[in-house]
PDB file of N, CA and C in Angstrom:
ATOM      1  N   MET A   1       3.990  -1.024   4.651  1.00  0.00           N
ATOM      2  CA  MET A   1       2.733   0.099   4.944  1.00  0.00           C
ATOM      3  C   MET A   1       3.147   1.352   5.094  1.00  0.00           C
ATOM      4  N   THR A   2       2.277   2.650   4.293  1.00  0.00           N
ATOM      5  CA  THR A   2       2.554   3.540   4.256  1.00  0.00           C
ATOM      6  C   THR A   2       1.991   4.177   5.498  1.00  0.00           C
ATOM      7  N   LYS A   3       2.024   5.458   5.276  1.00  0.00           N
ATOM      8  CA  LYS A   3       1.517   5.983   6.550  1.00  0.00           C
ATOM      9  C   LYS A   3      -0.288   6.573   6.068  1.00  0.00           C
ATOM     10  N   GLU A   4       0.065   6.708   4.813  1.00  0.00           N
ATOM     11  CA  GLU A   4      -1.222   6.670   4.348  1.00  0.00           C
ATOM     12  C   GLU A   4      -2.426   5.520   4.325  1.00  0.00           C
ATOM     13  N   GLU A   5      -1.780   4.595   4.360  1.00  0.00           N
ATOM     14  CA  GLU A   5      -2.161   3.254   4.348  1.00  0.00           C
ATOM     15  C   GLU A   5      -2.710   2.527   5.935  1.00  0.00           C
ATOM     16  N   PHE A   6      -1.809   3.337   6.744  1.00  0.00           N
ATOM     17  CA  PHE A   6      -1.990   3.062   8.135  1.00  0.00           C
ATOM     18  C   PHE A   6      -3.278   3.635   8.685  1.00  0.00           C
ATOM     19  N   SER A   7      -3.334   4.871   8.122  1.00  0.00           N
ATOM     20  CA  SER A   7      -4.826   5.737   8.389  1.00  0.00           C
ATOM     21  C   SER A   7      -5.557   5.598   7.888  1.00  0.00           C
ATOM     22  N   LEU A   8      -5.778   4.689   6.870  1.00  0.00           N
ATOM     23  CA  LEU A   8      -6.868   4.488   5.987  1.00  0.00           C
ATOM     24  C   LEU A   8      -7.433   3.178   6.866  1.00  0.00           C
ATOM     25  N   ALA A   9      -6.435   2.278   7.023  1.00  0.00           N
ATOM     26  CA  ALA A   9      -6.652   1.046   7.821  1.00  0.00           C
ATOM     27  C   ALA A   9      -7.214   1.435   8.905  1.00  0.00           C
ATOM     28  N   ARG A  10      -6.938   2.492  10.094  1.00  0.00           N
ATOM     29  CA  ARG A  10      -7.436   3.107  11.176  1.00  0.00           C
ATOM     30  C   ARG A  10      -9.058   3.373  10.989  1.00  0.00           C
ATOM     31  N   LYS A  11      -9.100   4.050   9.644  1.00  0.00           N
ATOM     32  CA  LYS A  11     -10.441   4.637   9.643  1.00  0.00           C
ATOM     33  C   LYS A  11     -11.497   3.543   9.063  1.00  0.00           C
ATOM     34  N   LYS A  12     -10.743   2.709   8.636  1.00  0.00           N
ATOM     35  CA  LYS A  12     -11.822   1.021   8.208  1.00  0.00           C
ATOM     36  C   LYS A  12     -12.107   0.167   9.285  1.00  0.00           C
ATOM     37  N   LEU A  13     -10.980   0.651  10.421  1.00  0.00           N
ATOM     38  CA  LEU A  13     -11.510  -0.410  12.042  1.00  0.00           C
ATOM     39  C   LEU A  13     -12.501   0.692  12.402  1.00  0.00           C
ATOM     40  N   ALA A  14     -12.653   2.171  12.202  1.00  0.00           N
ATOM     41  CA  ALA A  14     -13.465   2.913  12.739  1.00  0.00           C
ATOM     42  C   ALA A  14     -13.144   3.039  14.299  1.00  0.00           C
ATOM     43  N   LYS A  15     -11.538   3.631  14.038  1.00  0.00           N
ATOM     44  CA  LYS A  15     -10.954   3.708  15.584  1.00  0.00           C
ATOM     45  C   LYS A  15     -10.251   5.277  15.415  1.00  0.00           C
ATOM     46  N   THR A  16     -10.451   5.231  16.756  1.00  0.00           N
ATOM     47  CA  THR A  16      -9.896   6.704  16.750  1.00  0.00           C
ATOM     48  C   THR A  16      -8.405   6.552  17.096  1.00  0.00           C
ATOM     49  N   GLN A  17      -7.704   7.605  16.864  1.00  0.00           N
ATOM     50  CA  GLN A  17      -6.101   7.056  17.521  1.00  0.00           C
ATOM     51  C   GLN A  17      -5.929   6.591  18.796  1.00  0.00           C
ATOM     52  N   LYS A  18      -6.253   6.866  19.700  1.00  0.00           N
ATOM     53  CA  LYS A  18      -6.456   6.544  21.032  1.00  0.00           C
ATOM     54  C   LYS A  18      -6.685   5.069  20.958  1.00  0.00           C
ATOM     55  N   GLN A  19      -7.810   4.735  20.599  1.00  0.00           N
ATOM     56  CA  GLN A  19      -8.454   3.373  20.280  1.00  0.00           C
ATOM     57  C   GLN A  19      -7.737   2.426  19.734  1.00  0.00           C
ATOM     58  N   LEU A  20      -6.851   2.813  18.653  1.00  0.00           N
ATOM     59  CA  LEU A  20      -6.106   1.908  18.446  1.00  0.00           C
ATOM     60  C   LEU A  20      -5.051   1.822  18.868  1.00  0.00           C
ATOM     61  N   SER A  21      -4.142   3.040  19.664  1.00  0.00           N
ATOM     62  CA  SER A  21      -3.346   2.801  20.358  1.00  0.00           C
ATOM     63  C   SER A  21      -3.762   1.792  21.487  1.00  0.00           C
ATOM     64  N   GLU A  22      -4.697   1.433  21.808  1.00  0.00           N
ATOM     65  CA  GLU A  22      -4.825   0.402  23.028  1.00  0.00           C
ATOM     66  C   GLU A  22      -5.069  -1.044  22.493  1.00  0.00           C
ATOM     67  N   LEU A  23      -5.701  -0.899  21.142  1.00  0.00           N
ATOM     68  CA  LEU A  23      -6.096  -2.156  20.463  1.00  0.00           C
ATOM     69  C   LEU A  23      -4.683  -2.714  20.189  1.00  0.00           C
ATOM     70  N   LEU A  24      -3.681  -1.726  19.417  1.00  0.00           N
ATOM     71  CA  LEU A  24      -2.422  -2.238  19.305  1.00  0.00           C
ATOM     72  C   LEU A  24      -1.448  -2.503  20.655  1.00  0.00           C
ATOM     73  N   GLY A  25      -1.659  -2.185  21.717  1.00  0.00           N
ATOM     74  CA  GLY A  25      -0.694  -2.040  22.704  1.00  0.00           C
ATOM     75  C   GLY A  25       0.425  -0.979  22.797  1.00  0.00           C
ATOM     76  N   MET A  26      -0.163  -0.211  22.201  1.00  0.00           N
ATOM     77  CA  MET A  26       1.545   1.068  22.048  1.00  0.00           C
ATOM     78  C   MET A  26       0.746   2.242  22.730  1.00  0.00           C
ATOM     79  N   SER A  27       1.564   3.362  22.509  1.00  0.00           N
ATOM     80  CA  SER A  27       1.628   4.833  23.352  1.00  0.00           C
ATOM     81  C   SER A  27       0.547   5.555  21.935  1.00  0.00           C
ATOM     82  N   LEU A  28      -0.227   6.589  22.381  1.00  0.00           N
ATOM     83  CA  LEU A  28      -0.852   7.398  21.568  1.00  0.00           C
ATOM     84  C   LEU A  28      -0.067   7.959  20.526  1.00  0.00           C
ATOM     85  N   LYS A  29       1.190   8.514  21.094  1.00  0.00           N
ATOM     86  CA  LYS A  29       2.145   9.027  20.633  1.00  0.00           C
ATOM     87  C   LYS A  29       3.096   8.325  19.239  1.00  0.00           C
ATOM     88  N   THR A  30       2.841   6.925  19.455  1.00  0.00           N
ATOM     89  CA  THR A  30       3.231   6.012  18.323  1.00  0.00           C
ATOM     90  C   THR A  30       2.577   6.303  17.034  1.00  0.00           C
ATOM     91  N   ILE A  31       1.181   5.839  17.649  1.00  0.00           N
ATOM     92  CA  ILE A  31       0.071   5.941  16.362  1.00  0.00           C
ATOM     93  C   ILE A  31       0.249   7.523  15.604  1.00  0.00           C
ATOM     94  N   HIS A  32       0.419   8.694  16.525  1.00  0.00           N
ATOM     95  CA  HIS A  32       0.905   9.910  15.801  1.00  0.00           C
ATOM     96  C   HIS A  32       1.874  10.149  14.993  1.00  0.00           C
ATOM     97  N   SER A  33       3.115   9.094  15.271  1.00  0.00           N
ATOM     98  CA  SER A  33       4.518   9.194  14.494  1.00  0.00           C
ATOM     99  C   SER A  33       4.277   8.118  13.315  1.00  0.00           C
ATOM    100  N   TYR A  34       3.218   7.249  13.474  1.00  0.00           N
ATOM    101  CA  TYR A  34       2.984   6.219  12.325  1.00  0.00           C
ATOM    102  C   TYR A  34       2.343   7.072  11.174  1.00  0.00           C
ATOM    103  N   GLU A  35       1.710   7.990  11.500  1.00  0.00           N
ATOM    104  CA  GLU A  35       0.369   8.404  10.941  1.00  0.00           C
ATOM    105  C   GLU A  35       1.342  10.009   9.991  1.00  0.00           C
ATOM    106  N   GLN A  36       2.133  10.428  10.819  1.00  0.00           N
ATOM    107  CA  GLN A  36       2.776  11.504  10.155  1.00  0.00           C
ATOM    108  C   GLN A  36       4.232  11.171   9.626  1.00  0.00           C
ATOM    109  N   GLY A  37       4.314  10.029   9.631  1.00  0.00           N
ATOM    110  CA  GLY A  37       5.232   9.603   8.737  1.00  0.00           C
ATOM    111  C   GLY A  37       6.765   9.392   9.489  1.00  0.00           C
ATOM    112  N   TRP A  38       6.707  10.046  10.816  1.00  0.00           N
ATOM    113  CA  TRP A  38       8.268  10.195  11.499  1.00  0.00           C
ATOM    114  C   TRP A  38       9.144   8.755  11.808  1.00  0.00           C
ATOM    115  N   ARG A  39       8.027   7.730  11.917  1.00  0.00           N
ATOM    116  CA  ARG A  39       8.849   6.561  11.966  1.00  0.00           C
ATOM    117  C   ARG A  39       7.795   5.497  11.010  1.00  0.00           C
ATOM    118  N   THR A  40       8.744   4.176  10.708  1.00  0.00           N
ATOM    119  CA  THR A  40       8.799   3.315   9.507  1.00  0.00           C
ATOM    120  C   THR A  40       7.634   2.326  10.719  1.00  0.00           C
ATOM    121  N   ILE A  41       6.918   2.033   9.986  1.00  0.00           N
ATOM    122  CA  ILE A  41       5.834   0.907  10.675  1.00  0.00           C
ATOM    123  C   ILE A  41       6.272  -0.179  10.317  1.00  0.00           C
ATOM    124  N   PRO A  42       6.385  -1.095  11.714  1.00  0.00           N
ATOM    125  CA  PRO A  42       6.759  -2.299  11.666  1.00  0.00           C
ATOM    126  C   PRO A  42       6.130  -3.298  11.235  1.00  0.00           C
ATOM    127  N   THR A  43       6.650  -4.639  10.286  1.00  0.00           N
ATOM    128  CA  THR A  43       6.135  -5.643   9.717  1.00  0.00           C
ATOM    129  C   THR A  43       5.037  -6.310  10.868  1.00  0.00           C
ATOM    130  N   HIS A  44       5.093  -6.358  11.972  1.00  0.00           N
ATOM    131  CA  HIS A  44       4.199  -6.976  13.062  1.00  0.00           C
ATOM    132  C   HIS A  44       3.552  -6.127  13.712  1.00  0.00           C
ATOM    133  N   ILE A  45       3.065  -4.870  13.211  1.00  0.00           N
ATOM    134  CA  ILE A  45       2.190  -3.959  13.349  1.00  0.00           C
ATOM    135  C   ILE A  45       1.239  -3.860  12.372  1.00  0.00           C
ATOM    136  N   GLU A  46       1.655  -3.964  10.803  1.00  0.00           N
ATOM    137  CA  GLU A  46       1.326  -3.993   9.774  1.00  0.00           C
ATOM    138  C   GLU A  46       0.413  -5.393   9.367  1.00  0.00           C
ATOM    139  N   ARG A  47       1.058  -6.108   9.866  1.00  0.00           N
ATOM    140  CA  ARG A  47       0.209  -7.738  10.136  1.00  0.00           C
ATOM    141  C   ARG A  47      -0.814  -7.894  10.854  1.00  0.00           C
ATOM    142  N   HIS A  48      -1.101  -6.833  12.377  1.00  0.00           N
ATOM    143  CA  HIS A  48      -1.724  -6.825  13.427  1.00  0.00           C
ATOM    144  C   HIS A  48      -3.225  -6.417  12.485  1.00  0.00           C
ATOM    145  N   LEU A  49      -2.675  -4.983  11.715  1.00  0.00           N
ATOM    146  CA  LEU A  49      -3.557  -4.242  11.256  1.00  0.00           C
ATOM    147  C   LEU A  49      -4.383  -5.014  10.239  1.00  0.00           C
ATOM    148  N   TYR A  50      -3.815  -5.781   9.695  1.00  0.00           N
ATOM    149  CA  TYR A  50      -4.618  -6.818   8.494  1.00  0.00           C
ATOM    150  C   TYR A  50      -5.038  -7.969   9.029  1.00  0.00           C
ATOM    151  N   PHE A  51      -5.012  -8.438   9.922  1.00  0.00           N
ATOM    152  CA  PHE A  51      -5.484  -9.394  10.716  1.00  0.00           C
ATOM    153  C   PHE A  51      -6.929  -8.739  11.364  1.00  0.00           C
ATOM    154  N   LEU A  52      -6.988  -7.434  12.102  1.00  0.00           N
ATOM    155  CA  LEU A  52      -8.042  -7.246  12.420  1.00  0.00           C
ATOM    156  C   LEU A  52      -9.021  -6.661  11.274  1.00  0.00           C
ATOM    157  N   LEU A  53      -8.686  -6.073  10.423  1.00  0.00           N
ATOM    158  CA  LEU A  53      -9.605  -5.786   8.968  1.00  0.00           C
ATOM    159  C   LEU A  53     -10.003  -6.861   8.799  1.00  0.00           C
ATOM    160  N   ILE A  54      -9.170  -8.135   8.167  1.00  0.00           N
ATOM    161  CA  ILE A  54      -9.887  -9.402   7.973  1.00  0.00           C
ATOM    162  C   ILE A  54     -10.758  -9.787   8.700  1.00  0.00           C
ATOM    163  N   ASN A  55     -10.403 -10.035  10.050  1.00  0.00           N
ATOM    164  CA  ASN A  55     -11.679 -10.343  11.132  1.00  0.00           C
ATOM    165  C   ASN A  55     -12.653  -9.546  11.020  1.00  0.00           C
ATOM    166  N   GLN A  56     -12.869  -8.366  11.327  1.00  0.00           N
ATOM    167  CA  GLN A  56     -14.119  -7.441  11.270  1.00  0.00           C
ATOM    168  C   GLN A  56     -14.895  -7.731   9.688  1.00  0.00           C
ATOM    169  N   ARG A  57     -14.372  -8.035   8.620  1.00  0.00           N
ATOM    170  CA  ARG A  57     -15.088  -8.235   7.557  1.00  0.00           C
ATOM    171  C   ARG A  57     -15.767  -9.323   7.739  1.00  0.00           C
ATOM    172  N   GLY A  58     -15.387 -10.521   8.224  1.00  0.00           N
ATOM    173  CA  GLY A  58     -15.890 -11.757   8.624  1.00  0.00           C
ATOM    174  C   GLY A  58     -16.103 -12.693   7.102  1.00  0.00           C
ATOM    175  N   ARG A  59     -15.195 -12.469   6.304  1.00  0.00           N
ATOM    176  CA  ARG A  59     -15.018 -12.835   4.999  1.00  0.00           C
ATOM    177  C   ARG A  59     -14.245 -14.351   5.028  1.00  0.00           C
ATOM    178  N   LYS A  60     -13.771 -14.536   6.057  1.00  0.00           N
ATOM    179  CA  LYS A  60     -12.840 -16.022   5.927  1.00  0.00           C
ATOM    180  C   LYS A  60     -13.680 -17.019   5.830  1.00  0.00           C
ATOM    181  N   ASP A  61     -14.817 -17.353   6.410  1.00  0.00           N
ATOM    182  CA  ASP A  61     -15.604 -18.642   6.261  1.00  0.00           C
ATOM    183  C   ASP A  61     -16.031 -18.381   4.961  1.00  0.00           C
ATOM    184  N   ASN A  62     -16.005 -17.611   4.124  1.00  0.00           N
ATOM    185  CA  ASN A  62     -16.690 -17.771   2.832  1.00  0.00           C
ATOM    186  C   ASN A  62     -15.734 -18.552   1.640  1.00  0.00           C
ATOM    187  N   LEU A  63     -14.368 -18.742   2.235  1.00  0.00           N
ATOM    188  CA  LEU A  63     -13.454 -18.984   0.904  1.00  0.00           C
ATOM    189  C   LEU A  63     -12.920 -20.415   1.311  1.00  0.00           C
ATOM    190  N   LYS A  64     -12.076 -20.776   0.235  1.00  0.00           N
ATOM    191  CA  LYS A  64     -11.814 -22.574   0.094  1.00  0.00           C
ATOM    192  C   LYS A  64     -10.318 -22.065   0.918  1.00  0.00           C
ATOM    193  N   PRO A  65      -9.776 -23.013   1.634  1.00  0.00           N
ATOM    194  CA  PRO A  65      -8.501 -22.439   2.522  1.00  0.00           C
ATOM    195  C   PRO A  65      -7.566 -22.784   1.129  1.00  0.00           C
ATOM    196  N   CYS A  66      -6.498 -22.015   1.630  1.00  0.00           N
ATOM    197  CA  CYS A  66      -5.270 -21.783   0.274  1.00  0.00           C
ATOM    198  C   CYS A  66      -4.712 -22.957   0.232  1.00  0.00           C
ATOM    199  N   TRP A  67      -4.354 -24.218   0.397  1.00  0.00           N
ATOM    200  CA  TRP A  67      -4.219 -25.329   0.117  1.00  0.00           C
ATOM    201  C   TRP A  67      -5.275 -25.769  -1.201  1.00  0.00           C
ATOM    202  N   GLU A  68      -6.321 -25.411  -1.116  1.00  0.00           N
ATOM    203  CA  GLU A  68      -7.249 -25.472  -1.972  1.00  0.00           C
ATOM    204  C   GLU A  68      -7.335 -25.099  -3.077  1.00  0.00           C
ATOM    205  N   GLN A  69      -7.130 -23.702  -2.606  1.00  0.00           N
ATOM    206  CA  GLN A  69      -7.289 -22.501  -3.937  1.00  0.00           C
ATOM    207  C   GLN A  69      -6.256 -22.677  -4.789  1.00  0.00           C
ATOM    208  N   LYS A  70      -5.123 -23.062  -3.972  1.00  0.00           N
ATOM    209  CA  LYS A  70      -3.705 -23.281  -5.098  1.00  0.00           C
ATOM    210  C   LYS A  70      -3.265 -24.948  -5.150  1.00  0.00           C
ATOM    211  N   THR A  71      -4.300 -25.278  -5.090  1.00  0.00           N
ATOM    212  CA  THR A  71      -3.758 -26.604  -4.900  1.00  0.00           C
ATOM    213  C   THR A  71      -2.321 -27.169  -4.920  1.00  0.00           C
ATOM    214  N   CYS A  72      -2.245 -27.172  -3.794  1.00  0.00           N
ATOM    215  CA  CYS A  72      -0.951 -27.231  -2.840  1.00  0.00           C
ATOM    216  C   CYS A  72      -0.743 -28.837  -3.059  1.00  0.00           C
ATOM    217  N   ASN A  73       0.399 -29.357  -3.324  1.00  0.00           N
ATOM    218  CA  ASN A  73       0.974 -30.966  -3.248  1.00  0.00           C
ATOM    219  C   ASN A  73       2.144 -30.691  -2.284  1.00  0.00           C
ATOM    220  N   GLN A  74       2.290 -29.496  -1.022  1.00  0.00           N
ATOM    221  CA  GLN A  74       3.076 -29.696   0.297  1.00  0.00           C
ATOM    222  C   GLN A  74       2.346 -29.459   1.542  1.00  0.00           C
ATOM    223  N   LYS A  75       0.903 -29.287   1.300  1.00  0.00           N
ATOM    224  CA  LYS A  75       0.058 -29.133   2.665  1.00  0.00           C
ATOM    225  C   LYS A  75       0.476 -29.654   3.813  1.00  0.00           C
ATOM    226  N   GLU A  76       0.819 -30.949   3.833  1.00  0.00           N
ATOM    227  CA  GLU A  76       1.070 -31.650   5.002  1.00  0.00           C
ATOM    228  C   GLU A  76       2.572 -31.071   5.935  1.00  0.00           C
ATOM    229  N   LYS A  77       3.143 -30.556   4.943  1.00  0.00           N
ATOM    230  CA  LYS A  77       4.271 -30.229   5.354  1.00  0.00           C
ATOM    231  C   LYS A  77       3.989 -28.442   5.849  1.00  0.00           C
ATOM    232  N   CYS A  78       2.939 -27.567   5.991  1.00  0.00           N
ATOM    233  CA  CYS A  78       3.017 -26.199   5.875  1.00  0.00           C
ATOM    234  C   CYS A  78       2.274 -25.945   7.201  1.00  0.00           C
ATOM    235  N   PRO A  79       2.459 -25.000   7.919  1.00  0.00           N
ATOM    236  CA  PRO A  79       1.927 -24.682   9.163  1.00  0.00           C
ATOM    237  C   PRO A  79       0.439 -24.223   8.970  1.00  0.00           C
ATOM    238  N   ALA A  80       0.206 -23.633   7.624  1.00  0.00           N
ATOM    239  CA  ALA A  80      -1.429 -23.428   7.428  1.00  0.00           C
ATOM    240  C   ALA A  80      -2.373 -24.508   7.506  1.00  0.00           C
ATOM    241  N   TRP A  81      -1.760 -25.298   6.844  1.00  0.00           N
ATOM    242  CA  TRP A  81      -2.783 -26.582   6.825  1.00  0.00           C
ATOM    243  C   TRP A  81      -2.465 -27.101   8.099  1.00  0.00           C
ATOM    244  N   GLU A  82      -1.296 -27.390   8.776  1.00  0.00           N
ATOM    245  CA  GLU A  82      -1.397 -27.903  10.041  1.00  0.00           C
ATOM    246  C   GLU A  82      -2.471 -27.307  11.104  1.00  0.00           C
ATOM    247  N   PHE A  83      -2.299 -26.153  11.269  1.00  0.00           N
ATOM    248  CA  PHE A  83      -3.209 -25.474  12.032  1.00  0.00           C
ATOM    249  C   PHE A  83      -4.784 -25.148  11.690  1.00  0.00           C
ATOM    250  N   GLN A  84      -5.106 -25.402  10.328  1.00  0.00           N
ATOM    251  CA  GLN A  84      -6.337 -25.777   9.456  1.00  0.00           C
ATOM    252  C   GLN A  84      -6.741 -24.009   9.393  1.00  0.00           C
ATOM    253  N   SER A  85      -5.681 -23.584   9.061  1.00  0.00           N
ATOM    254  CA  SER A  85      -5.620 -21.774   8.830  1.00  0.00           C
ATOM    255  C   SER A  85      -5.295 -21.523   7.812  1.00  0.00           C
ATOM    256  N   GLY A  86      -6.159 -21.654   6.786  1.00  0.00           N
ATOM    257  CA  GLY A  86      -6.120 -21.681   5.119  1.00  0.00           C
ATOM    258  C   GLY A  86      -6.391 -20.165   4.608  1.00  0.00           C
ATOM    259  N   HIS A  87      -6.927 -19.501   5.852  1.00  0.00           N
ATOM    260  CA  HIS A  87      -6.936 -17.973   5.143  1.00  0.00           C
ATOM    261  C   HIS A  87      -6.155 -17.002   6.197  1.00  0.00           C
ATOM    262  N   LEU A  88      -5.305 -17.807   6.974  1.00  0.00           N
ATOM    263  CA  LEU A  88      -4.210 -16.674   7.562  1.00  0.00           C
ATOM    264  C   LEU A  88      -2.823 -17.388   6.889  1.00  0.00           C
ATOM    265  N   CYS A  89      -2.510 -17.579   5.927  1.00  0.00           N
ATOM    266  CA  CYS A  89      -1.506 -18.322   5.247  1.00  0.00           C
ATOM    267  C   CYS A  89      -0.679 -17.026   5.236  1.00  0.00           C
ATOM    268  N   TRP A  90      -0.940 -15.771   5.057  1.00  0.00           N
ATOM    269  CA  TRP A  90      -0.156 -14.512   4.955  1.00  0.00           C
ATOM    270  C   TRP A  90       0.423 -14.056   6.719  1.00  0.00           C
ATOM    271  N   PHE A  91      -0.176 -14.648   7.085  1.00  0.00           N
ATOM    272  CA  PHE A  91      -0.111 -14.160   8.887  1.00  0.00           C
ATOM    273  C   PHE A  91       0.860 -14.871   9.446  1.00  0.00           C
ATOM    274  N   LEU A  92       0.890 -16.535   9.088  1.00  0.00           N
ATOM    275  CA  LEU A  92       1.695 -17.587   9.469  1.00  0.00           C
ATOM    276  C   LEU A  92       3.222 -17.494   8.948  1.00  0.00           C
ATOM    277  N   SER A  93       3.884 -17.721   9.696  1.00  0.00           N
ATOM    278  CA  SER A  93       5.501 -17.762   9.283  1.00  0.00           C
ATOM    279  C   SER A  93       5.651 -19.265   9.024  1.00  0.00           C
ATOM    280  N   GLY A  94       6.655 -19.423   8.113  1.00  0.00           N
ATOM    281  CA  GLY A  94       7.157 -20.667   7.769  1.00  0.00           C
ATOM    282  C   GLY A  94       6.089 -21.490   6.402  1.00  0.00           C
ATOM    283  N   THR A  95       5.239 -20.803   6.174  1.00  0.00           N
ATOM    284  CA  THR A  95       4.359 -21.449   4.984  1.00  0.00           C
ATOM    285  C   THR A  95       5.225 -21.612   3.830  1.00  0.00           C
ATOM    286  N   LEU A  96       4.750 -22.732   3.358  1.00  0.00           N
ATOM    287  CA  LEU A  96       5.734 -23.063   1.789  1.00  0.00           C
ATOM    288  C   LEU A  96       5.404 -22.521   0.762  1.00  0.00           C
ATOM    289  N   CYS A  97       4.462 -21.788   0.309  1.00  0.00           N
ATOM    290  CA  CYS A  97       3.961 -21.537  -0.869  1.00  0.00           C
ATOM    291  C   CYS A  97       4.807 -20.207  -1.599  1.00  0.00           C
ATOM    292  N   ASP A  98       4.910 -19.940  -2.616  1.00  0.00           N
ATOM    293  CA  ASP A  98       5.235 -18.762  -3.712  1.00  0.00           C
ATOM    294  C   ASP A  98       6.591 -18.291  -2.882  1.00  0.00           C
ATOM    295  N   CYS A  99       7.654 -19.324  -2.584  1.00  0.00           N
ATOM    296  CA  CYS A  99       8.841 -19.057  -2.033  1.00  0.00           C
ATOM    297  C   CYS A  99       8.936 -18.008  -0.892  1.00  0.00           C
ATOM    298  N   THR A 100       7.911 -18.507  -0.136  1.00  0.00           N
ATOM    299  CA  THR A 100       8.043 -17.064   0.929  1.00  0.00           C
ATOM    300  C   THR A 100       8.648 -18.417   2.168  1.00  0.00           C
ATOM    301  N   HIS A 101       8.875 -19.507   2.155  1.00  0.00           N
ATOM    302  CA  HIS A 101       9.356 -20.169   3.417  1.00  0.00           C
ATOM    303  C   HIS A 101      10.808 -19.706   4.197  1.00  0.00           C
ATOM    304  N   ASP A 102      11.746 -19.382   3.490  1.00  0.00           N
ATOM    305  CA  ASP A 102      12.954 -18.828   3.869  1.00  0.00           C
ATOM    306  C   ASP A 102      13.253 -17.368   3.731  1.00  0.00           C
ATOM    307  N   THR A 103      11.886 -16.508   3.854  1.00  0.00           N
ATOM    308  CA  THR A 103      12.197 -14.971   3.787  1.00  0.00           C
ATOM    309  C   THR A 103      11.810 -14.493   5.014  1.00  0.00           C
ATOM    310  N   SER A 104      12.437 -13.112   4.879  1.00  0.00           N
ATOM    311  CA  SER A 104      12.206 -12.231   6.230  1.00  0.00           C
ATOM    312  C   SER A 104      10.588 -12.013   6.114  1.00  0.00           C
ATOM    313  N   HIS A 105      10.050 -11.386   7.527  1.00  0.00           N
ATOM    314  CA  HIS A 105       8.417 -11.464   7.400  1.00  0.00           C
ATOM    315  C   HIS A 105       8.467 -10.165   6.777  1.00  0.00           C
ATOM    316  N   ARG A 106       8.878  -9.249   6.610  1.00  0.00           N
ATOM    317  CA  ARG A 106       8.671  -8.047   5.607  1.00  0.00           C
ATOM    318  C   ARG A 106       8.772  -8.874   3.990  1.00  0.00           C
ATOM    319  N   THR A 107       9.550  -9.268   3.367  1.00  0.00           N
ATOM    320  CA  THR A 107       9.628 -10.056   1.715  1.00  0.00           C
ATOM    321  C   THR A 107       8.123 -10.876   1.912  1.00  0.00           C
ATOM    322  N   LYS A 108       8.205 -11.521   2.977  1.00  0.00           N
ATOM    323  CA  LYS A 108       6.868 -12.621   3.144  1.00  0.00           C
ATOM    324  C   LYS A 108       5.616 -11.724   2.911  1.00  0.00           C
ATOM    325  N   LEU A 109       5.425 -10.646   3.421  1.00  0.00           N
ATOM    326  CA  LEU A 109       4.320 -10.121   3.458  1.00  0.00           C
ATOM    327  C   LEU A 109       4.069  -9.448   2.283  1.00  0.00           C
ATOM    328  N   GLU A 110       4.898  -8.953   1.665  1.00  0.00           N
ATOM    329  CA  GLU A 110       5.012  -8.019   0.436  1.00  0.00           C
ATOM    330  C   GLU A 110       4.359  -9.146  -0.590  1.00  0.00           C
ATOM    331  N   ILE A 111       5.200 -10.236  -0.984  1.00  0.00           N
ATOM    332  CA  ILE A 111       4.834 -11.360  -1.805  1.00  0.00           C
ATOM    333  C   ILE A 111       3.612 -11.669  -1.402  1.00  0.00           C
ATOM    334  N   CYS A 112       2.954 -12.008   0.039  1.00  0.00           N
ATOM    335  CA  CYS A 112       1.522 -12.100   0.006  1.00  0.00           C
ATOM    336  C   CYS A 112       0.407 -11.176  -0.064  1.00  0.00           C
ATOM    337  N   LYS A 113       0.775 -10.113  -0.172  1.00  0.00           N
ATOM    338  CA  LYS A 113      -0.032  -9.229  -0.717  1.00  0.00           C
ATOM    339  C   LYS A 113      -0.506  -8.621  -2.167  1.00  0.00           C
ATOM    340  N   GLN A 114       0.208  -9.709  -2.817  1.00  0.00           N
ATOM    341  CA  GLN A 114       0.221  -9.680  -4.230  1.00  0.00           C
ATOM    342  C   GLN A 114      -1.071 -10.749  -4.201  1.00  0.00           C
ATOM    343  N   CYS A 115      -0.874 -12.095  -3.287  1.00  0.00           N
ATOM    344  CA  CYS A 115      -1.911 -13.199  -3.767  1.00  0.00           C
ATOM    345  C   CYS A 115      -3.037 -13.169  -3.482  1.00  0.00           C
ATOM    346  N   THR A 116      -3.884 -13.872  -4.774  1.00  0.00           N
ATOM    347  CA  THR A 116      -5.818 -13.564  -4.244  1.00  0.00           C
ATOM    348  C   THR A 116      -6.047 -14.140  -2.742  1.00  0.00           C
ATOM    349  N   ILE A 117      -5.524 -14.995  -2.605  1.00  0.00           N
ATOM    350  CA  ILE A 117      -5.917 -15.247  -1.426  1.00  0.00           C
ATOM    351  C   ILE A 117      -6.117 -14.205  -0.275  1.00  0.00           C
ATOM    352  N   PHE A 118      -4.847 -13.095  -0.128  1.00  0.00           N
ATOM    353  CA  PHE A 118      -4.904 -12.026   0.667  1.00  0.00           C
ATOM    354  C   PHE A 118      -6.176 -10.771  -0.028  1.00  0.00           C
ATOM    355  N   THR A 119      -5.935 -10.533  -1.258  1.00  0.00           N
ATOM    356  CA  THR A 119      -6.330  -9.914  -1.651  1.00  0.00           C
ATOM    357  C   THR A 119      -8.121  -9.917  -1.641  1.00  0.00           C
ATOM    358  N   ASN A 120      -8.249 -11.351  -1.752  1.00  0.00           N
ATOM    359  CA  ASN A 120      -9.912 -11.595  -1.651  1.00  0.00           C
ATOM    360  C   ASN A 120     -10.395 -11.102  -0.184  1.00  0.00           C
ATOM    361  N   LEU A 121      -9.420 -11.857   0.756  1.00  0.00           N
ATOM    362  CA  LEU A 121      -9.922 -11.622   1.721  1.00  0.00           C
ATOM    363  C   LEU A 121     -10.049  -9.895   2.149  1.00  0.00           C
ATOM    364  N   LEU A 122      -9.295  -9.037   1.761  1.00  0.00           N
ATOM    365  CA  LEU A 122      -9.728  -7.545   2.014  1.00  0.00           C
ATOM    366  C   LEU A 122     -10.731  -7.002   1.001  1.00  0.00           C
ATOM    367  N   SER A 123     -11.202  -7.315  -0.074  1.00  0.00           N
ATOM    368  CA  SER A 123     -11.888  -6.980  -0.752  1.00  0.00           C
ATOM    369  C   SER A 123     -13.357  -6.907  -0.100  1.00  0.00           C
TER     370      SER A 123
END
């Protein structure tokens, strides 16, 4: 996530820097450093922001779960199906689609950001 994407996410959430720092459980100085580009935004913070944006929009209830959208033949082995969280497959570790099972959180998120399930949640 770039500093511009971070700032845009904060604005879409309609939060001040102080409010976002409280929401994410970090210092105001850390928020400043992310928006100024002084620090790299960690993957867990990026995922947290996307989680908040998606839940703010309330679109998750209108979509089919990922295993139906992708006609998944491994769903019984996947955490998204196990926890009935087909709209959070991008957020969960250990999902089986698109070769994300044995990847780092950063790589998984980059793959998932290209997926229609994720992009539909943010649109």
